[in-house]
C-alpha cells in the first residue's frame, strides 16, 4: 500500500467507524477515497509547519478479514467504544493481541466520556490496568484551559486526536524543505524575521535542530527492531513528547 493505514473500529451502535472517520477528516466520506481490492480507504491529510503526509483511515468490523498486505501496512489503531457498555473490555483482548503481533505503536481508544464508577461503565483505571499500551481520548471532555490564559493550548475531543495524529511520525512523512509556494526554507525564515533580523539565526538553528530530531525519529523503527515492545514504546513516548512540544509551541505562536 502507498499509505500508512490506521484501522478504525467501533463497538457502539450509535456511532459507526465511518462516523469517526468523517469527524476526523471534516469532509464528506465521498471525497478522497482510495479503493484497495474490495475495501475503501479514506485518505486524510496531516499538515504541520515541518512536514506533510497522508494516511489512510480504514473502517473494519474484524481484523481477521484483513489481507496480509493490509495488515503489514497498519501503523495505527483507533477503537471507538461505548463507555457505558462494559462488554467493551471483553473484545479488547483480540485487538491488543493484533496490536502486539504487528507492533502497532499508535493506538488510541475513543469514547464520549469515561465513567467515574466501575458499576456504571468503563473507567480509565479499567483500561489502563489491563491495556496500558492504549491511550484514551474522551471526545466530550471539557477543555481544562482557562480562557484568560493567552498562552494555554490544551486541545480536547477530536482536536486532541488531531494533535496526536500530527505528533506521530508516520513512515511516509515528507519534511518540508520547500514551502507550498516554492520558497526555500531560508527565504521563509527571512520573511518571518523582516522586522527583527537578529532572530534569523535563532530560527534557522531551531529548524536545523528539528530536522536532526526528525531524522532520528525516522531511524527509530530500524534502530529499535531488536528491542522488546515495552522498550520500543518507552522510546517512542520520549520522541513523541519532544515532538509534540515543538508542534504545540508553533501553534501557540500562530494563535
C-alpha atoms as a PDB file:
ATOM      1  CA  UNK A   1       0.000   0.000   0.000  1.00  0.00           C
ATOM      2  CA  UNK A   2       1.081   3.578  -0.655  1.00  0.00           C
ATOM      3  CA  UNK A   3      -0.153   4.980   2.658  1.00  0.00           C
ATOM      4  CA  UNK A   4       0.236   4.141   6.335  1.00  0.00           C
ATOM      5  CA  UNK A   5      -3.065   2.555   7.359  1.00  0.00           C
ATOM      6  CA  UNK A   6      -4.983   3.448  10.513  1.00  0.00           C
ATOM      7  CA  UNK A   7      -7.649   0.900  11.375  1.00  0.00           C
ATOM      8  CA  UNK A   8     -10.885   2.327  12.755  1.00  0.00           C
ATOM      9  CA  UNK A   9     -13.320   0.066  14.605  1.00  0.00           C
ATOM     10  CA  UNK A  10     -16.434   0.801  16.632  1.00  0.00           C
ATOM     11  CA  UNK A  11     -18.443  -1.344  19.017  1.00  0.00           C
ATOM     12  CA  UNK A  12     -21.034   1.376  19.567  1.00  0.00           C
ATOM     13  CA  UNK A  13     -24.371   1.083  17.777  1.00  0.00           C
ATOM     14  CA  UNK A  14     -24.895   4.849  17.811  1.00  0.00           C
ATOM     15  CA  UNK A  15     -21.519   5.761  16.289  1.00  0.00           C
ATOM     16  CA  UNK A  16     -20.008   3.850  13.376  1.00  0.00           C
ATOM     17  CA  UNK A  17     -16.397   3.746  12.250  1.00  0.00           C
ATOM     18  CA  UNK A  18     -17.428   5.884   9.267  1.00  0.00           C
ATOM     19  CA  UNK A  19     -18.836   8.499  11.653  1.00  0.00           C
ATOM     20  CA  UNK A  20     -15.489   8.632  13.437  1.00  0.00           C
ATOM     21  CA  UNK A  21     -13.638   8.969  10.128  1.00  0.00           C
ATOM     22  CA  UNK A  22     -15.915  11.811   8.997  1.00  0.00           C
ATOM     23  CA  UNK A  23     -15.269  13.675  12.250  1.00  0.00           C
ATOM     24  CA  UNK A  24     -11.514  13.225  11.882  1.00  0.00           C
ATOM     25  CA  UNK A  25     -11.311  14.354   8.257  1.00  0.00           C
ATOM     26  CA  UNK A  26     -14.039  17.026   8.473  1.00  0.00           C
ATOM     27  CA  UNK A  27     -15.000  16.362   4.879  1.00  0.00           C
ATOM     28  CA  UNK A  28     -17.571  14.097   3.258  1.00  0.00           C
ATOM     29  CA  UNK A  29     -16.697  10.414   3.145  1.00  0.00           C
ATOM     30  CA  UNK A  30     -17.430  10.623  -0.580  1.00  0.00           C
ATOM     31  CA  UNK A  31     -14.227  12.629  -1.025  1.00  0.00           C
ATOM     32  CA  UNK A  32     -10.590  11.488  -1.086  1.00  0.00           C
ATOM     33  CA  UNK A  33     -11.296   7.773  -1.257  1.00  0.00           C
ATOM     34  CA  UNK A  34      -8.881   5.072  -2.310  1.00  0.00           C
ATOM     35  CA  UNK A  35     -10.014   1.635  -3.445  1.00  0.00           C
ATOM     36  CA  UNK A  36      -7.989  -1.379  -2.339  1.00  0.00           C
ATOM     37  CA  UNK A  37      -9.380  -4.672  -3.587  1.00  0.00           C
ATOM     38  CA  UNK A  38     -12.940  -4.692  -2.239  1.00  0.00           C
ATOM     39  CA  UNK A  39     -12.210  -2.168   0.508  1.00  0.00           C
ATOM     40  CA  UNK A  40     -12.427   1.610   0.649  1.00  0.00           C
ATOM     41  CA  UNK A  41      -9.727   3.630   2.383  1.00  0.00           C
ATOM     42  CA  UNK A  42     -10.362   7.228   3.402  1.00  0.00           C
ATOM     43  CA  UNK A  43      -7.320   9.428   2.885  1.00  0.00           C
ATOM     44  CA  UNK A  44      -6.506  12.039   5.492  1.00  0.00           C
ATOM     45  CA  UNK A  45      -4.000  14.874   5.065  1.00  0.00           C
ATOM     46  CA  UNK A  46      -1.747  15.691   8.009  1.00  0.00           C
ATOM     47  CA  UNK A  47      -0.020  19.043   7.623  1.00  0.00           C
ATOM     48  CA  UNK A  48       2.317  20.785  10.035  1.00  0.00           C
ATOM     49  CA  UNK A  49       4.853  23.566   9.732  1.00  0.00           C
ATOM     50  CA  UNK A  50       7.598  20.964   9.401  1.00  0.00           C
ATOM     51  CA  UNK A  51       6.137  18.158   7.324  1.00  0.00           C
ATOM     52  CA  UNK A  52       3.185  16.989   5.242  1.00  0.00           C
ATOM     53  CA  UNK A  53       1.941  13.444   4.941  1.00  0.00           C
ATOM     54  CA  UNK A  54      -1.158  11.431   4.153  1.00  0.00           C
ATOM     55  CA  UNK A  55      -2.592   8.418   5.950  1.00  0.00           C
ATOM     56  CA  UNK A  56      -5.431   6.051   5.080  1.00  0.00           C
ATOM     57  CA  UNK A  57      -8.267   5.531   7.554  1.00  0.00           C
ATOM     58  CA  UNK A  58      -9.671   2.034   7.158  1.00  0.00           C
ATOM     59  CA  UNK A  59     -13.043   1.148   8.766  1.00  0.00           C
ATOM     60  CA  UNK A  60     -13.285  -2.539   9.619  1.00  0.00           C
ATOM     61  CA  UNK A  61     -15.507  -4.945  11.532  1.00  0.00           C
ATOM     62  CA  UNK A  62     -12.983  -7.699  12.194  1.00  0.00           C
ATOM     63  CA  UNK A  63      -9.192  -7.592  11.948  1.00  0.00           C
ATOM     64  CA  UNK A  64      -9.192 -11.209  10.764  1.00  0.00           C
ATOM     65  CA  UNK A  65     -10.721 -10.076   7.464  1.00  0.00           C
ATOM     66  CA  UNK A  66      -7.648  -8.025   6.568  1.00  0.00           C
ATOM     67  CA  UNK A  67      -5.335  -9.321   3.869  1.00  0.00           C
ATOM     68  CA  UNK A  68      -1.651  -9.895   4.641  1.00  0.00           C
ATOM     69  CA  UNK A  69      -0.743  -6.776   2.632  1.00  0.00           C
ATOM     70  CA  UNK A  70      -3.244  -4.666   4.548  1.00  0.00           C
ATOM     71  CA  UNK A  71      -2.071  -5.981   7.918  1.00  0.00           C
ATOM     72  CA  UNK A  72       1.561  -5.142   7.188  1.00  0.00           C
ATOM     73  CA  UNK A  73       0.603  -1.585   6.206  1.00  0.00           C
ATOM     74  CA  UNK A  74      -1.157  -0.899   9.512  1.00  0.00           C
ATOM     75  CA  UNK A  75       0.576   1.747  11.641  1.00  0.00           C
ATOM     76  CA  UNK A  76      -2.337   2.928  13.765  1.00  0.00           C
ATOM     77  CA  UNK A  77      -5.449   1.627  15.501  1.00  0.00           C
ATOM     78  CA  UNK A  78      -8.450   3.669  16.669  1.00  0.00           C
ATOM     79  CA  UNK A  79     -11.079   1.913  18.777  1.00  0.00           C
ATOM     80  CA  UNK A  80     -14.350   3.737  19.401  1.00  0.00           C
ATOM     81  CA  UNK A  81     -16.405   2.307  22.259  1.00  0.00           C
ATOM     82  CA  UNK A  82     -19.449   2.948  24.402  1.00  0.00           C
ATOM     83  CA  UNK A  83     -18.098   3.690  27.869  1.00  0.00           C
ATOM     84  CA  UNK A  84     -21.426   2.673  29.400  1.00  0.00           C
ATOM     85  CA  UNK A  85     -21.071  -0.843  27.994  1.00  0.00           C
ATOM     86  CA  UNK A  86     -18.603  -2.963  29.961  1.00  0.00           C
ATOM     87  CA  UNK A  87     -18.631  -5.699  27.306  1.00  0.00           C
ATOM     88  CA  UNK A  88     -16.108  -3.450  25.541  1.00  0.00           C
ATOM     89  CA  UNK A  89     -13.476  -4.960  27.814  1.00  0.00           C
ATOM     90  CA  UNK A  90     -14.316  -8.433  26.505  1.00  0.00           C
ATOM     91  CA  UNK A  91     -13.397  -7.571  22.909  1.00  0.00           C
ATOM     92  CA  UNK A  92     -10.211  -5.660  23.677  1.00  0.00           C
ATOM     93  CA  UNK A  93      -8.139  -8.818  24.040  1.00  0.00           C
ATOM     94  CA  UNK A  94      -8.360  -9.647  20.327  1.00  0.00           C
ATOM     95  CA  UNK A  95      -7.427  -6.098  19.358  1.00  0.00           C
ATOM     96  CA  UNK A  96      -4.489  -5.963  21.768  1.00  0.00           C
ATOM     97  CA  UNK A  97      -3.203  -9.309  20.501  1.00  0.00           C
ATOM     98  CA  UNK A  98      -3.265  -7.920  16.951  1.00  0.00           C
ATOM     99  CA  UNK A  99      -1.582  -4.682  18.079  1.00  0.00           C
ATOM    100  CA  UNK A 100       1.237  -6.550  19.803  1.00  0.00           C
ATOM    101  CA  UNK A 101       1.799  -9.012  16.962  1.00  0.00           C
ATOM    102  CA  UNK A 102       2.171  -6.247  14.357  1.00  0.00           C
ATOM    103  CA  UNK A 103       3.992  -3.811  16.688  1.00  0.00           C
ATOM    104  CA  UNK A 104       1.444  -1.044  16.147  1.00  0.00           C
ATOM    105  CA  UNK A 105       2.550   1.966  18.169  1.00  0.00           C
ATOM    106  CA  UNK A 106      -0.241   4.477  17.515  1.00  0.00           C
ATOM    107  CA  UNK A 107      -3.185   3.030  19.453  1.00  0.00           C
ATOM    108  CA  UNK A 108      -5.992   5.159  20.858  1.00  0.00           C
ATOM    109  CA  UNK A 109      -9.363   4.334  22.363  1.00  0.00           C
ATOM    110  CA  UNK A 110     -12.132   6.881  21.807  1.00  0.00           C
ATOM    111  CA  UNK A 111     -15.332   7.402  23.754  1.00  0.00           C
ATOM    112  CA  UNK A 112     -17.685  10.246  24.553  1.00  0.00           C
ATOM    113  CA  UNK A 113     -16.881  10.261  28.265  1.00  0.00           C
ATOM    114  CA  UNK A 114     -15.418   7.654  30.614  1.00  0.00           C
ATOM    115  CA  UNK A 115     -17.429   6.502  33.598  1.00  0.00           C
ATOM    116  CA  UNK A 116     -16.346   7.506  37.081  1.00  0.00           C
ATOM    117  CA  UNK A 117     -17.742   4.371  38.688  1.00  0.00           C
ATOM    118  CA  UNK A 118     -16.920   0.797  37.701  1.00  0.00           C
ATOM    119  CA  UNK A 119     -20.528  -0.193  38.371  1.00  0.00           C
ATOM    120  CA  UNK A 120     -21.878   2.160  35.704  1.00  0.00           C
ATOM    121  CA  UNK A 121     -19.417   1.598  32.888  1.00  0.00           C
ATOM    122  CA  UNK A 122     -15.799   1.590  31.741  1.00  0.00           C
ATOM    123  CA  UNK A 123     -13.379   3.673  33.799  1.00  0.00           C
ATOM    124  CA  UNK A 124      -9.892   4.923  32.988  1.00  0.00           C
ATOM    125  CA  UNK A 125      -8.448   2.500  35.533  1.00  0.00           C
ATOM    126  CA  UNK A 126     -10.272  -0.454  33.945  1.00  0.00           C
ATOM    127  CA  UNK A 127      -8.451   0.076  30.670  1.00  0.00           C
ATOM    128  CA  UNK A 128      -5.042   1.159  31.913  1.00  0.00           C
ATOM    129  CA  UNK A 129      -4.726  -1.671  34.423  1.00  0.00           C
ATOM    130  CA  UNK A 130      -5.016  -4.276  31.663  1.00  0.00           C
ATOM    131  CA  UNK A 131      -4.133  -2.416  28.455  1.00  0.00           C
ATOM    132  CA  UNK A 132      -1.551   0.203  29.363  1.00  0.00           C
ATOM    133  CA  UNK A 133      -0.332   0.476  25.764  1.00  0.00           C
ATOM    134  CA  UNK A 134      -3.649   2.057  24.751  1.00  0.00           C
ATOM    135  CA  UNK A 135      -4.128   5.801  25.029  1.00  0.00           C
ATOM    136  CA  UNK A 136      -7.615   7.165  25.702  1.00  0.00           C
ATOM    137  CA  UNK A 137      -9.311  10.299  24.404  1.00  0.00           C
ATOM    138  CA  UNK A 138     -12.681  11.460  25.699  1.00  0.00           C
ATOM    139  CA  UNK A 139     -14.467  13.253  22.882  1.00  0.00           C
ATOM    140  CA  UNK A 140     -16.801  15.155  25.199  1.00  0.00           C
ATOM    141  CA  UNK A 141     -14.131  16.088  27.716  1.00  0.00           C
ATOM    142  CA  UNK A 142     -14.309  19.764  28.587  1.00  0.00           C
ATOM    143  CA  UNK A 143     -11.268  21.884  27.833  1.00  0.00           C
ATOM    144  CA  UNK A 144      -9.475  22.493  31.125  1.00  0.00           C
ATOM    145  CA  UNK A 145      -7.746  25.578  29.788  1.00  0.00           C
ATOM    146  CA  UNK A 146      -8.558  28.902  31.434  1.00  0.00           C
ATOM    147  CA  UNK A 147      -9.657  31.276  28.667  1.00  0.00           C
ATOM    148  CA  UNK A 148      -7.878  34.100  30.453  1.00  0.00           C
ATOM    149  CA  UNK A 149      -4.511  32.475  29.820  1.00  0.00           C
ATOM    150  CA  UNK A 150      -3.407  33.521  26.362  1.00  0.00           C
ATOM    151  CA  UNK A 151      -0.561  31.031  26.237  1.00  0.00           C
ATOM    152  CA  UNK A 152      -2.656  27.985  27.138  1.00  0.00           C
ATOM    153  CA  UNK A 153      -3.265  25.407  24.432  1.00  0.00           C
ATOM    154  CA  UNK A 154      -4.931  22.253  25.647  1.00  0.00           C
ATOM    155  CA  UNK A 155      -6.948  20.597  22.859  1.00  0.00           C
ATOM    156  CA  UNK A 156      -9.735  18.190  23.688  1.00  0.00           C
ATOM    157  CA  UNK A 157     -12.033  15.841  21.793  1.00  0.00           C
ATOM    158  CA  UNK A 158     -11.310  15.419  18.099  1.00  0.00           C
ATOM    159  CA  UNK A 159      -8.828  18.305  18.268  1.00  0.00           C
ATOM    160  CA  UNK A 160      -6.813  16.269  20.767  1.00  0.00           C
ATOM    161  CA  UNK A 161      -6.906  13.344  18.342  1.00  0.00           C
ATOM    162  CA  UNK A 162      -5.778  15.634  15.506  1.00  0.00           C
ATOM    163  CA  UNK A 163      -2.862  16.751  17.688  1.00  0.00           C
ATOM    164  CA  UNK A 164      -1.920  13.125  18.327  1.00  0.00           C
ATOM    165  CA  UNK A 165      -2.001  12.367  14.590  1.00  0.00           C
ATOM    166  CA  UNK A 166       0.299  15.327  13.903  1.00  0.00           C
ATOM    167  CA  UNK A 167       2.691  14.350  16.686  1.00  0.00           C
ATOM    168  CA  UNK A 168       3.290  10.829  15.392  1.00  0.00           C
ATOM    169  CA  UNK A 169       5.978  10.261  12.763  1.00  0.00           C
ATOM    170  CA  UNK A 170       4.381   8.140  10.044  1.00  0.00           C
ATOM    171  CA  UNK A 171       6.546   6.051   7.733  1.00  0.00           C
ATOM    172  CA  UNK A 172       5.825   8.218   4.675  1.00  0.00           C
ATOM    173  CA  UNK A 173       6.466  11.593   6.317  1.00  0.00           C
ATOM    174  CA  UNK A 174       7.879  14.217   3.959  1.00  0.00           C
ATOM    175  CA  UNK A 175       9.929  17.001   5.522  1.00  0.00           C
ATOM    176  CA  UNK A 176       9.178  20.452   4.118  1.00  0.00           C
ATOM    177  CA  UNK A 177      12.457  21.911   2.926  1.00  0.00           C
ATOM    178  CA  UNK A 178      10.397  23.895   0.429  1.00  0.00           C
ATOM    179  CA  UNK A 179       7.098  25.595   1.171  1.00  0.00           C
ATOM    180  CA  UNK A 180       3.963  25.077  -0.903  1.00  0.00           C
ATOM    181  CA  UNK A 181       4.626  28.192  -2.976  1.00  0.00           C
ATOM    182  CA  UNK A 182       8.181  27.167  -3.807  1.00  0.00           C
ATOM    183  CA  UNK A 183      10.063  29.324  -1.325  1.00  0.00           C
ATOM    184  CA  UNK A 184      13.230  27.945   0.184  1.00  0.00           C
ATOM    185  CA  UNK A 185      13.497  27.331   3.906  1.00  0.00           C
ATOM    186  CA  UNK A 186      15.881  30.271   4.339  1.00  0.00           C
ATOM    187  CA  UNK A 187      13.601  32.657   2.451  1.00  0.00           C
ATOM    188  CA  UNK A 188      10.759  31.698   4.782  1.00  0.00           C
ATOM    189  CA  UNK A 189      12.970  32.377   7.783  1.00  0.00           C
ATOM    190  CA  UNK A 190      13.986  35.738   6.348  1.00  0.00           C
ATOM    191  CA  UNK A 191      10.370  36.682   5.660  1.00  0.00           C
ATOM    192  CA  UNK A 192       9.325  35.725   9.186  1.00  0.00           C
ATOM    193  CA  UNK A 193      12.092  37.893  10.623  1.00  0.00           C
ATOM    194  CA  UNK A 194      11.931  41.017   8.437  1.00  0.00           C
ATOM    195  CA  UNK A 195      11.001  43.096  11.476  1.00  0.00           C
ATOM    196  CA  UNK A 196      13.702  41.589  13.661  1.00  0.00           C
ATOM    197  CA  UNK A 197      16.700  40.305  11.658  1.00  0.00           C
ATOM    198  CA  UNK A 198      18.581  39.402  14.839  1.00  0.00           C
ATOM    199  CA  UNK A 199      16.205  36.450  15.336  1.00  0.00           C
ATOM    200  CA  UNK A 200      17.033  34.906  11.954  1.00  0.00           C
ATOM    201  CA  UNK A 201      19.974  32.851  13.202  1.00  0.00           C
ATOM    202  CA  UNK A 202      17.973  31.549  16.167  1.00  0.00           C
ATOM    203  CA  UNK A 203      15.064  30.470  13.973  1.00  0.00           C
ATOM    204  CA  UNK A 204      17.364  28.802  11.464  1.00  0.00           C
ATOM    205  CA  UNK A 205      19.077  26.976  14.299  1.00  0.00           C
ATOM    206  CA  UNK A 206      15.732  25.765  15.625  1.00  0.00           C
ATOM    207  CA  UNK A 207      14.822  24.407  12.191  1.00  0.00           C
ATOM    208  CA  UNK A 208      18.135  22.577  11.909  1.00  0.00           C
ATOM    209  CA  UNK A 209      17.705  21.072  15.376  1.00  0.00           C
ATOM    210  CA  UNK A 210      14.204  19.988  14.444  1.00  0.00           C
ATOM    211  CA  UNK A 211      15.437  18.288  11.289  1.00  0.00           C
ATOM    212  CA  UNK A 212      18.070  16.419  13.295  1.00  0.00           C
ATOM    213  CA  UNK A 213      15.364  15.241  15.681  1.00  0.00           C
ATOM    214  CA  UNK A 214      13.138  14.256  12.779  1.00  0.00           C
ATOM    215  CA  UNK A 215      15.936  12.250  11.161  1.00  0.00           C
ATOM    216  CA  UNK A 216      16.486  10.422  14.450  1.00  0.00           C
ATOM    217  CA  UNK A 217      12.785   9.645  14.626  1.00  0.00           C
ATOM    218  CA  UNK A 218      12.768   8.355  11.057  1.00  0.00           C
ATOM    219  CA  UNK A 219      15.512   5.909  12.069  1.00  0.00           C
ATOM    220  CA  UNK A 220      13.504   4.810  15.087  1.00  0.00           C
ATOM    221  CA  UNK A 221      11.950   1.685  13.559  1.00  0.00           C
ATOM    222  CA  UNK A 222      15.135   0.090  12.176  1.00  0.00           C
ATOM    223  CA  UNK A 223      17.182   1.150  15.207  1.00  0.00           C
ATOM    224  CA  UNK A 224      14.774  -0.419  17.698  1.00  0.00           C
ATOM    225  CA  UNK A 225      13.769  -3.513  15.739  1.00  0.00           C
ATOM    226  CA  UNK A 226      15.532  -5.799  18.226  1.00  0.00           C
ATOM    227  CA  UNK A 227      14.082  -4.138  21.316  1.00  0.00           C
ATOM    228  CA  UNK A 228      11.213  -5.516  23.342  1.00  0.00           C
ATOM    229  CA  UNK A 229       7.806  -3.946  22.769  1.00  0.00           C
ATOM    230  CA  UNK A 230       7.967  -2.193  26.143  1.00  0.00           C
ATOM    231  CA  UNK A 231      11.364  -0.636  25.372  1.00  0.00           C
ATOM    232  CA  UNK A 232      10.149   0.448  21.922  1.00  0.00           C
ATOM    233  CA  UNK A 233       7.082   2.091  23.436  1.00  0.00           C
ATOM    234  CA  UNK A 234       9.199   3.903  26.015  1.00  0.00           C
ATOM    235  CA  UNK A 235      11.500   5.274  23.306  1.00  0.00           C
ATOM    236  CA  UNK A 236       8.539   6.220  21.131  1.00  0.00           C
ATOM    237  CA  UNK A 237       6.928   8.043  24.049  1.00  0.00           C
ATOM    238  CA  UNK A 238      10.078  10.099  24.656  1.00  0.00           C
ATOM    239  CA  UNK A 239      10.251  11.117  20.998  1.00  0.00           C
ATOM    240  CA  UNK A 240       6.527  11.892  20.887  1.00  0.00           C
ATOM    241  CA  UNK A 241       6.721  14.173  23.926  1.00  0.00           C
ATOM    242  CA  UNK A 242       9.601  16.182  22.435  1.00  0.00           C
ATOM    243  CA  UNK A 243       7.915  16.393  19.040  1.00  0.00           C
ATOM    244  CA  UNK A 244       4.546  17.378  20.496  1.00  0.00           C
ATOM    245  CA  UNK A 245       6.142  20.233  22.436  1.00  0.00           C
ATOM    246  CA  UNK A 246       7.643  21.593  19.213  1.00  0.00           C
ATOM    247  CA  UNK A 247       4.340  21.399  17.349  1.00  0.00           C
ATOM    248  CA  UNK A 248       2.356  22.951  20.194  1.00  0.00           C
ATOM    249  CA  UNK A 249       4.863  25.788  20.586  1.00  0.00           C
ATOM    250  CA  UNK A 250       4.369  26.673  16.927  1.00  0.00           C
ATOM    251  CA  UNK A 251       0.587  26.563  17.285  1.00  0.00           C
ATOM    252  CA  UNK A 252       0.778  28.804  20.352  1.00  0.00           C
ATOM    253  CA  UNK A 253       2.768  31.346  18.342  1.00  0.00           C
ATOM    254  CA  UNK A 254       0.413  31.137  15.356  1.00  0.00           C
ATOM    255  CA  UNK A 255      -2.625  31.605  17.605  1.00  0.00           C
END
